[in-house]
Amino acid sequence: MKKIIFLVILLMAIWGESHACELKFNISGEQKETYKAGEEVIIEIIITYTHRKCEIELSDTKFTYEGIKILGATPWKEKAPAIFARQIKILVLDDTLKEGVLSIGRKCSKEGVFGSIKLQKG
């Protein structure tokens, strides 16, 4: 019985660590509780591969957004082995939405990674 419990715990641990990538967002400069319409914000996106080689290109990363406008972006840059970063410059829009959202998705056979950052408007 102890062997079965150990095996179940081991399989759950392995399954929980099967993500293909890790995704992190950083706001450059001063982080605020709320952002005003017209403010420009630079967001750094960091993708870390948790496997050796990804089957999809970084250029295939999908970006969606609402309540903001993308003004520009740097190319993806390898900061360290298997760690890639890109900066996105956004403009907070004057609209009826209470927050601006930048979402990112990478879909692959190893589950991929999806995430978003929300900026409260005020």
C-alpha atoms as a PDB file:
ATOM      1  CA  MET A   1       0.000   0.000   0.000  1.00  0.00           C
ATOM      2  CA  LYS A   2       2.880   2.382   0.820  1.00  0.00           C
ATOM      3  CA  LYS A   3       4.389   1.725  -2.617  1.00  0.00           C
ATOM      4  CA  ILE A   4       1.128   2.665  -4.336  1.00  0.00           C
ATOM      5  CA  ILE A   5       0.821   5.912  -2.360  1.00  0.00           C
ATOM      6  CA  PHE A   6       4.456   6.756  -3.122  1.00  0.00           C
ATOM      7  CA  LEU A   7       3.912   6.034  -6.828  1.00  0.00           C
ATOM      8  CA  VAL A   8       0.782   8.222  -6.960  1.00  0.00           C
ATOM      9  CA  ILE A   9       2.613  11.115  -5.257  1.00  0.00           C
ATOM     10  CA  LEU A  10       5.573  10.720  -7.615  1.00  0.00           C
ATOM     11  CA  LEU A  11       3.348  10.730 -10.706  1.00  0.00           C
ATOM     12  CA  MET A  12       1.493  13.818  -9.467  1.00  0.00           C
ATOM     13  CA  ALA A  13       4.807  15.625  -8.932  1.00  0.00           C
ATOM     14  CA  ILE A  14       6.037  14.721 -12.412  1.00  0.00           C
ATOM     15  CA  TRP A  15       2.722  15.700 -14.002  1.00  0.00           C
ATOM     16  CA  GLY A  16       2.699  19.042 -12.165  1.00  0.00           C
ATOM     17  CA  GLU A  17       6.119  19.919 -13.561  1.00  0.00           C
ATOM     18  CA  SER A  18       5.318  19.209 -17.222  1.00  0.00           C
ATOM     19  CA  HIS A  19       4.799  22.809 -18.362  1.00  0.00           C
ATOM     20  CA  ALA A  20       6.687  23.691 -21.483  1.00  0.00           C
ATOM     21  CA  CYS A  21       7.605  27.252 -20.476  1.00  0.00           C
ATOM     22  CA  GLU A  22       7.469  29.686 -17.612  1.00  0.00           C
ATOM     23  CA  LEU A  23       6.199  33.215 -18.200  1.00  0.00           C
ATOM     24  CA  LYS A  24       6.964  36.331 -16.202  1.00  0.00           C
ATOM     25  CA  PHE A  25       5.971  39.984 -16.609  1.00  0.00           C
ATOM     26  CA  ASN A  26       7.931  42.962 -15.239  1.00  0.00           C
ATOM     27  CA  ILE A  27       6.955  46.611 -15.441  1.00  0.00           C
ATOM     28  CA  SER A  28       9.966  48.826 -16.114  1.00  0.00           C
ATOM     29  CA  GLY A  29      10.251  51.897 -13.946  1.00  0.00           C
ATOM     30  CA  GLU A  30       7.732  52.900 -11.314  1.00  0.00           C
ATOM     31  CA  GLN A  31       4.950  50.410 -10.656  1.00  0.00           C
ATOM     32  CA  LYS A  32       1.667  52.066  -9.783  1.00  0.00           C
ATOM     33  CA  GLU A  33      -1.670  51.055  -8.304  1.00  0.00           C
ATOM     34  CA  THR A  34      -3.468  52.721 -11.226  1.00  0.00           C
ATOM     35  CA  TYR A  35      -2.463  54.137 -14.596  1.00  0.00           C
ATOM     36  CA  LYS A  36      -3.989  57.166 -16.289  1.00  0.00           C
ATOM     37  CA  ALA A  37      -5.129  57.334 -19.882  1.00  0.00           C
ATOM     38  CA  GLY A  38      -2.272  58.492 -22.077  1.00  0.00           C
ATOM     39  CA  GLU A  39       0.470  56.998 -19.901  1.00  0.00           C
ATOM     40  CA  GLU A  40       3.129  54.948 -21.639  1.00  0.00           C
ATOM     41  CA  VAL A  41       4.369  51.823 -19.870  1.00  0.00           C
ATOM     42  CA  ILE A  42       7.148  49.410 -20.772  1.00  0.00           C
ATOM     43  CA  ILE A  43       6.473  45.781 -19.921  1.00  0.00           C
ATOM     44  CA  GLU A  44       9.231  43.189 -20.046  1.00  0.00           C
ATOM     45  CA  ILE A  45       8.140  39.664 -20.899  1.00  0.00           C
ATOM     46  CA  ILE A  46      10.419  36.798 -19.915  1.00  0.00           C
ATOM     47  CA  ILE A  47       9.925  33.276 -21.224  1.00  0.00           C
ATOM     48  CA  THR A  48      11.974  30.478 -19.700  1.00  0.00           C
ATOM     49  CA  TYR A  49      12.053  27.124 -21.441  1.00  0.00           C
ATOM     50  CA  THR A  50      11.760  24.257 -18.978  1.00  0.00           C
ATOM     51  CA  HIS A  51      12.736  21.773 -21.676  1.00  0.00           C
ATOM     52  CA  ARG A  52      15.704  21.677 -24.004  1.00  0.00           C
ATOM     53  CA  LYS A  53      14.259  22.869 -27.273  1.00  0.00           C
ATOM     54  CA  CYS A  54      10.869  24.327 -28.050  1.00  0.00           C
ATOM     55  CA  GLU A  55       8.948  23.081 -31.064  1.00  0.00           C
ATOM     56  CA  ILE A  56       7.533  26.542 -31.801  1.00  0.00           C
ATOM     57  CA  GLU A  57       9.444  29.713 -32.557  1.00  0.00           C
ATOM     58  CA  LEU A  58       9.403  32.738 -30.254  1.00  0.00           C
ATOM     59  CA  SER A  59       7.947  34.684 -33.164  1.00  0.00           C
ATOM     60  CA  ASP A  60       4.880  32.413 -32.944  1.00  0.00           C
ATOM     61  CA  THR A  61       4.007  33.797 -29.501  1.00  0.00           C
ATOM     62  CA  LYS A  62       0.470  35.215 -29.668  1.00  0.00           C
ATOM     63  CA  PHE A  63      -0.318  38.595 -28.112  1.00  0.00           C
ATOM     64  CA  THR A  64      -3.813  39.905 -27.412  1.00  0.00           C
ATOM     65  CA  TYR A  65      -4.730  43.098 -25.603  1.00  0.00           C
ATOM     66  CA  GLU A  66      -7.589  45.350 -24.604  1.00  0.00           C
ATOM     67  CA  GLY A  67      -7.728  48.758 -22.997  1.00  0.00           C
ATOM     68  CA  ILE A  68      -4.185  49.434 -24.202  1.00  0.00           C
ATOM     69  CA  LYS A  69      -2.403  50.022 -27.489  1.00  0.00           C
ATOM     70  CA  ILE A  70       0.954  48.493 -28.374  1.00  0.00           C
ATOM     71  CA  LEU A  71       3.289  51.247 -29.519  1.00  0.00           C
ATOM     72  CA  GLY A  72       6.328  49.096 -30.212  1.00  0.00           C
ATOM     73  CA  ALA A  73       8.381  46.102 -29.171  1.00  0.00           C
ATOM     74  CA  THR A  74      11.962  44.945 -29.111  1.00  0.00           C
ATOM     75  CA  PRO A  75      12.965  41.679 -30.744  1.00  0.00           C
ATOM     76  CA  TRP A  76      13.265  38.617 -28.515  1.00  0.00           C
ATOM     77  CA  LYS A  77      16.717  38.456 -26.913  1.00  0.00           C
ATOM     78  CA  GLU A  78      18.348  35.478 -25.214  1.00  0.00           C
ATOM     79  CA  LYS A  79      19.373  36.701 -21.740  1.00  0.00           C
ATOM     80  CA  ALA A  80      20.791  33.346 -20.649  1.00  0.00           C
ATOM     81  CA  PRO A  81      20.515  29.783 -21.930  1.00  0.00           C
ATOM     82  CA  ALA A  82      16.787  29.012 -22.390  1.00  0.00           C
ATOM     83  CA  ILE A  83      15.724  32.469 -21.061  1.00  0.00           C
ATOM     84  CA  PHE A  84      14.332  34.966 -23.549  1.00  0.00           C
ATOM     85  CA  ALA A  85      13.073  38.519 -23.007  1.00  0.00           C
ATOM     86  CA  ARG A  86      11.238  41.159 -24.956  1.00  0.00           C
ATOM     87  CA  GLN A  87      10.039  44.628 -24.053  1.00  0.00           C
ATOM     88  CA  ILE A  88       6.638  45.907 -25.148  1.00  0.00           C
ATOM     89  CA  LYS A  89       5.798  49.627 -24.997  1.00  0.00           C
ATOM     90  CA  ILE A  90       2.096  50.237 -24.436  1.00  0.00           C
ATOM     91  CA  LEU A  91      -0.227  53.211 -24.196  1.00  0.00           C
ATOM     92  CA  VAL A  92      -3.084  53.190 -21.687  1.00  0.00           C
ATOM     93  CA  LEU A  93      -6.250  54.048 -23.610  1.00  0.00           C
ATOM     94  CA  ASP A  94      -9.021  56.425 -22.601  1.00  0.00           C
ATOM     95  CA  ASP A  95     -11.978  54.052 -22.909  1.00  0.00           C
ATOM     96  CA  THR A  96     -14.695  52.548 -20.720  1.00  0.00           C
ATOM     97  CA  LEU A  97     -12.586  49.580 -19.554  1.00  0.00           C
ATOM     98  CA  LYS A  98     -11.415  49.628 -15.928  1.00  0.00           C
ATOM     99  CA  GLU A  99      -8.174  47.847 -16.738  1.00  0.00           C
ATOM    100  CA  GLY A 100      -5.780  47.286 -19.565  1.00  0.00           C
ATOM    101  CA  VAL A 101      -4.796  43.689 -20.246  1.00  0.00           C
ATOM    102  CA  LEU A 102      -1.879  42.228 -22.182  1.00  0.00           C
ATOM    103  CA  SER A 103      -2.195  38.472 -22.692  1.00  0.00           C
ATOM    104  CA  ILE A 104       0.330  36.054 -24.118  1.00  0.00           C
ATOM    105  CA  GLY A 105      -0.085  32.515 -25.355  1.00  0.00           C
ATOM    106  CA  ARG A 106       2.236  29.813 -26.601  1.00  0.00           C
ATOM    107  CA  LYS A 107       0.561  26.542 -27.507  1.00  0.00           C
ATOM    108  CA  CYS A 108       2.562  23.404 -28.142  1.00  0.00           C
ATOM    109  CA  SER A 109       2.355  19.655 -27.571  1.00  0.00           C
ATOM    110  CA  LYS A 110       3.868  20.091 -24.090  1.00  0.00           C
ATOM    111  CA  GLU A 111       0.941  22.242 -22.923  1.00  0.00           C
ATOM    112  CA  GLY A 112       2.517  25.596 -23.692  1.00  0.00           C
ATOM    113  CA  VAL A 113       2.119  28.634 -21.502  1.00  0.00           C
ATOM    114  CA  PHE A 114      -0.522  31.328 -21.162  1.00  0.00           C
ATOM    115  CA  GLY A 115      -0.556  34.422 -18.977  1.00  0.00           C
ATOM    116  CA  SER A 116      -1.547  38.035 -18.722  1.00  0.00           C
ATOM    117  CA  ILE A 117      -0.760  41.253 -16.919  1.00  0.00           C
ATOM    118  CA  LYS A 118      -3.479  43.682 -15.881  1.00  0.00           C
ATOM    119  CA  LEU A 119      -3.050  47.403 -15.355  1.00  0.00           C
ATOM    120  CA  GLN A 120      -5.765  49.089 -13.329  1.00  0.00           C
ATOM    121  CA  LYS A 121      -6.945  52.369 -14.825  1.00  0.00           C
ATOM    122  CA  GLY A 122      -7.784  55.334 -12.693  1.00  0.00           C
END
